[in-house]
Amino acid sequence: MVEIPGPNPGRTIFIGENMISKLISLIILFFVIIDPLTSFIVFFVSTKGFDNKAKLKIALLSVILAAFISYLVLFLGENLLQLFSTDINSFKIAGGIILVILGINMSLGKSITDIEKMEGDSVHAIASIIATPLISGPATITAIIISSSDFGKLLTGLAIGIILAIIGIMFYLSIRFHEVTSKAKTAIQVVTTIMGLITLAWGVNYIISGVQAIFQII
């Protein structure tokens, strides 16, 4: 933590505190958008017919694949936008629309994927579906590109890593405490609905921010 004199006499500003507050904001953002609870439910339901060794393999593959996609997007960043001849403001509007749709679906209790149809699928198939679109889907990719532009790659990368670690721990706990987690679906759905409203709000903010920036340029 770096200590510097504040603009007013007798006041000190801590740079580290500002970074920590930004990191916390990013962690909340990615927790809401990625929604580990939904991934947790899909993992739990789709792996019911597998032994613990196969479940562990699915969990590891899911997190590793999601991490690869997320950090690839993080490091390529705005180069991806330039490749498709667009800019960060237009992407904010498009990404905001995606978040709005995702938030509405979460709030109404609609699943991104039909988890009942996933039962009995192969280890790699289930891991791929959980990795994307559940963990590293369009909304997550949107948030990564915009956040890396607004907050920097370091803080964004740390936030992503923390959320992926949380998801990995949740998958492991699902394997270890199968009976307990089987009774928590209702509570998880309630929390997911609340996070859907927050996702909706983030989407609206992205759209407003993008529109304002475009009009300022014009």
Protein backbone atom coordinates (compact mmCIF):
# COMPACT_ATOMS: atom_id res chain seq x y z
CA MET A 1 0.00 0.00 0.00
CA VAL A 2 1.42 3.43 -1.06
CA GLU A 3 0.73 6.49 1.09
CA ILE A 4 0.53 9.93 -0.58
CA PRO A 5 -0.51 13.39 0.70
CA GLY A 6 -4.15 14.20 0.10
CA PRO A 7 -5.46 17.41 -1.51
CA ASN A 8 -6.65 18.69 1.89
CA PRO A 9 -4.29 19.36 4.85
CA GLY A 10 -4.07 16.49 7.29
CA ARG A 11 -5.64 14.02 4.86
CA THR A 12 -3.83 11.01 3.43
CA ILE A 13 -4.85 8.89 0.44
CA PHE A 14 -3.96 5.21 0.27
CA ILE A 15 -3.53 4.03 -3.32
CA GLY A 16 -3.82 0.42 -2.25
CA GLU A 17 -7.28 1.03 -0.82
CA ASN A 18 -8.46 2.32 -4.21
CA MET A 19 -7.11 -0.78 -5.94
CA ILE A 20 -8.73 -3.07 -3.39
CA SER A 21 -12.11 -1.36 -3.82
CA LYS A 22 -11.83 -1.74 -7.61
CA LEU A 23 -10.87 -5.40 -7.23
CA ILE A 24 -13.86 -6.02 -4.95
CA SER A 25 -16.14 -4.35 -7.51
CA LEU A 26 -14.74 -6.57 -10.26
CA ILE A 27 -15.12 -9.71 -8.14
CA ILE A 28 -18.78 -8.84 -7.51
CA LEU A 29 -19.30 -8.09 -11.21
CA PHE A 30 -17.85 -11.40 -12.39
CA PHE A 31 -19.54 -13.36 -9.61
CA VAL A 32 -22.90 -11.98 -10.71
CA ILE A 33 -22.30 -12.40 -14.46
CA ILE A 34 -20.62 -15.81 -14.38
CA ASP A 35 -23.11 -16.97 -11.71
CA PRO A 36 -21.16 -19.88 -10.14
CA LEU A 37 -24.40 -21.16 -8.59
CA THR A 38 -25.87 -21.95 -12.01
CA SER A 39 -22.68 -23.77 -13.04
CA PHE A 40 -22.84 -25.58 -9.71
CA ILE A 41 -26.41 -26.79 -10.35
CA VAL A 42 -25.59 -27.91 -13.90
CA PHE A 43 -22.48 -29.73 -12.68
CA PHE A 44 -24.44 -31.40 -9.88
CA VAL A 45 -27.33 -32.58 -12.07
CA SER A 46 -25.35 -33.58 -15.17
CA THR A 47 -22.81 -35.67 -13.22
CA LYS A 48 -25.27 -37.72 -11.14
CA GLY A 49 -24.46 -40.91 -13.02
CA PHE A 50 -20.67 -40.62 -12.73
CA ASP A 51 -18.30 -41.85 -10.06
CA ASN A 52 -16.21 -39.37 -8.04
CA LYS A 53 -13.14 -39.80 -10.25
CA ALA A 54 -15.10 -38.85 -13.38
CA LYS A 55 -16.77 -35.95 -11.55
CA LEU A 56 -13.38 -34.61 -10.50
CA LYS A 57 -12.15 -34.87 -14.09
CA ILE A 58 -15.19 -32.93 -15.34
CA ALA A 59 -14.64 -30.26 -12.67
CA LEU A 60 -10.95 -29.81 -13.57
CA LEU A 61 -11.58 -29.77 -17.33
CA SER A 62 -14.39 -27.24 -16.95
CA VAL A 63 -12.34 -24.79 -14.89
CA ILE A 64 -9.18 -25.19 -17.01
CA LEU A 65 -11.06 -24.66 -20.29
CA ALA A 66 -12.95 -21.67 -18.87
CA ALA A 67 -9.66 -20.19 -17.61
CA PHE A 68 -8.03 -20.64 -21.02
CA ILE A 69 -10.89 -18.87 -22.82
CA SER A 70 -11.12 -16.08 -20.23
CA TYR A 71 -7.42 -15.26 -20.13
CA LEU A 72 -7.09 -15.52 -23.91
CA VAL A 73 -9.80 -12.87 -24.22
CA LEU A 74 -8.15 -10.83 -21.46
CA PHE A 75 -4.75 -10.72 -23.14
CA LEU A 76 -6.10 -10.13 -26.65
CA GLY A 77 -8.46 -7.48 -25.28
CA GLU A 78 -9.32 -4.64 -27.63
CA ASN A 79 -7.29 -6.27 -30.42
CA LEU A 80 -10.30 -8.53 -30.87
CA LEU A 81 -12.49 -5.47 -31.37
CA GLN A 82 -10.07 -3.99 -33.89
CA LEU A 83 -10.04 -7.30 -35.75
CA PHE A 84 -13.80 -6.98 -36.25
CA SER A 85 -13.64 -3.23 -36.96
CA THR A 86 -15.50 -2.07 -33.87
CA ASP A 87 -14.65 -0.05 -30.75
CA ILE A 88 -15.11 -0.36 -26.99
CA ASN A 89 -18.15 1.94 -26.88
CA SER A 90 -20.08 -0.03 -29.50
CA PHE A 91 -19.07 -3.21 -27.71
CA LYS A 92 -20.38 -1.81 -24.41
CA ILE A 93 -23.80 -1.29 -25.98
CA ALA A 94 -23.86 -4.75 -27.60
CA GLY A 95 -22.53 -6.38 -24.44
CA GLY A 96 -25.02 -4.47 -22.32
CA ILE A 97 -27.86 -5.90 -24.40
CA ILE A 98 -26.50 -9.42 -23.80
CA LEU A 99 -26.32 -8.77 -20.06
CA VAL A 100 -29.88 -7.43 -20.05
CA ILE A 101 -31.15 -10.59 -21.76
CA LEU A 102 -29.10 -12.79 -19.42
CA GLY A 103 -30.36 -10.87 -16.39
CA ILE A 104 -33.99 -11.25 -17.48
CA ASN A 105 -33.56 -15.01 -18.00
CA MET A 106 -31.88 -15.40 -14.60
CA SER A 107 -34.56 -13.34 -12.86
CA LEU A 108 -37.33 -15.41 -14.43
CA GLY A 109 -35.61 -18.68 -13.51
CA LYS A 110 -34.87 -19.70 -17.10
CA SER A 111 -31.82 -21.93 -17.59
CA ILE A 112 -29.19 -21.17 -20.23
CA THR A 113 -28.98 -24.83 -21.10
CA ASP A 114 -31.33 -27.77 -20.68
CA ILE A 115 -29.56 -29.66 -17.89
CA GLU A 116 -31.88 -32.65 -18.08
CA LYS A 117 -30.64 -33.37 -21.61
CA MET A 118 -27.04 -33.30 -20.37
CA GLU A 119 -27.43 -36.31 -18.10
CA GLY A 120 -25.53 -39.27 -19.54
CA ASP A 121 -23.33 -37.17 -21.82
CA SER A 122 -19.60 -37.87 -21.96
CA VAL A 123 -17.09 -36.35 -19.56
CA HIS A 124 -15.62 -34.03 -22.21
CA ALA A 125 -19.04 -32.96 -23.53
CA ILE A 126 -20.28 -31.95 -20.09
CA ALA A 127 -17.01 -30.18 -19.26
CA SER A 128 -17.20 -28.20 -22.51
CA ILE A 129 -20.78 -27.08 -21.91
CA ILE A 130 -20.04 -26.00 -18.35
CA ALA A 131 -16.89 -24.13 -19.45
CA THR A 132 -18.74 -22.32 -22.23
CA PRO A 133 -21.37 -20.93 -22.38
CA LEU A 134 -21.96 -21.30 -18.62
CA ILE A 135 -18.69 -19.96 -17.19
CA SER A 136 -17.00 -18.20 -20.13
CA GLY A 137 -20.01 -17.29 -22.24
CA PRO A 138 -20.75 -14.13 -24.27
CA ALA A 139 -21.63 -12.10 -21.14
CA THR A 140 -18.36 -13.04 -19.43
CA ILE A 141 -16.31 -12.29 -22.54
CA THR A 142 -18.06 -8.91 -22.81
CA ALA A 143 -17.32 -8.10 -19.16
CA ILE A 144 -13.66 -9.14 -19.52
CA ILE A 145 -13.01 -6.88 -22.52
CA ILE A 146 -14.82 -3.89 -21.02
CA SER A 147 -13.31 -4.36 -17.54
CA SER A 148 -9.77 -4.73 -18.87
CA SER A 149 -10.29 -1.42 -20.68
CA ASP A 150 -11.77 0.36 -17.65
CA PHE A 151 -9.80 -1.23 -14.78
CA GLY A 152 -6.71 -2.75 -16.43
CA LYS A 153 -5.66 -6.31 -17.17
CA LEU A 154 -4.07 -6.99 -13.76
CA LEU A 155 -7.15 -6.35 -11.61
CA THR A 156 -9.44 -8.00 -14.16
CA GLY A 157 -7.22 -11.08 -14.28
CA LEU A 158 -7.13 -11.31 -10.48
CA ALA A 159 -10.92 -11.07 -10.27
CA ILE A 160 -11.39 -13.79 -12.89
CA GLY A 161 -8.90 -16.05 -11.12
CA ILE A 162 -10.70 -15.63 -7.78
CA ILE A 163 -14.10 -16.46 -9.31
CA LEU A 164 -12.71 -19.52 -11.11
CA ALA A 165 -11.16 -20.68 -7.83
CA ILE A 166 -14.55 -20.28 -6.11
CA ILE A 167 -16.19 -22.35 -8.86
CA GLY A 168 -13.56 -25.07 -8.51
CA ILE A 169 -14.10 -25.21 -4.74
CA MET A 170 -17.88 -25.41 -5.22
CA PHE A 171 -17.50 -28.31 -7.65
CA TYR A 172 -15.23 -30.11 -5.18
CA LEU A 173 -17.70 -29.58 -2.33
CA SER A 174 -20.48 -30.91 -4.55
CA ILE A 175 -18.51 -34.12 -4.96
CA ARG A 176 -17.63 -34.43 -1.25
CA PHE A 177 -21.04 -33.48 0.16
CA HIS A 178 -23.45 -34.85 -2.43
CA GLU A 179 -26.38 -35.38 -0.06
CA VAL A 180 -26.25 -31.87 1.38
CA THR A 181 -26.01 -30.10 -1.97
CA SER A 182 -28.94 -32.07 -3.36
CA LYS A 183 -31.24 -30.25 -0.92
CA ALA A 184 -30.03 -26.73 -1.72
CA LYS A 185 -31.59 -26.18 -5.17
CA THR A 186 -34.39 -23.88 -3.97
CA ALA A 187 -32.04 -21.61 -2.05
CA ILE A 188 -29.67 -21.47 -5.02
CA GLN A 189 -32.53 -20.50 -7.35
CA VAL A 190 -33.54 -17.63 -5.05
CA VAL A 191 -29.99 -16.28 -5.00
CA THR A 192 -29.73 -16.68 -8.79
CA THR A 193 -32.90 -14.62 -9.25
CA ILE A 194 -31.45 -11.80 -7.15
CA MET A 195 -28.18 -11.92 -9.10
CA GLY A 196 -30.22 -11.79 -12.30
CA LEU A 197 -31.56 -8.39 -11.27
CA ILE A 198 -28.02 -7.18 -10.56
CA THR A 199 -26.86 -8.48 -13.96
CA LEU A 200 -29.76 -6.60 -15.57
CA ALA A 201 -28.64 -3.40 -13.84
CA TRP A 202 -25.02 -3.87 -15.00
CA GLY A 203 -26.29 -4.35 -18.57
CA VAL A 204 -28.29 -1.13 -18.45
CA ASN A 205 -25.22 0.72 -17.10
CA TYR A 206 -23.08 -0.62 -19.95
CA ILE A 207 -25.63 0.52 -22.54
CA ILE A 208 -25.95 3.99 -21.00
CA SER A 209 -22.15 4.35 -20.72
CA GLY A 210 -21.63 3.30 -24.36
CA VAL A 211 -24.34 5.61 -25.70
CA GLN A 212 -23.05 8.59 -23.70
CA ALA A 213 -19.49 8.02 -24.92
CA ILE A 214 -20.62 7.81 -28.58
CA PHE A 215 -22.62 11.04 -28.32
CA GLN A 216 -19.64 12.79 -26.72
CA ILE A 217 -17.47 11.75 -29.66
CA ILE A 218 -20.09 12.95 -32.14
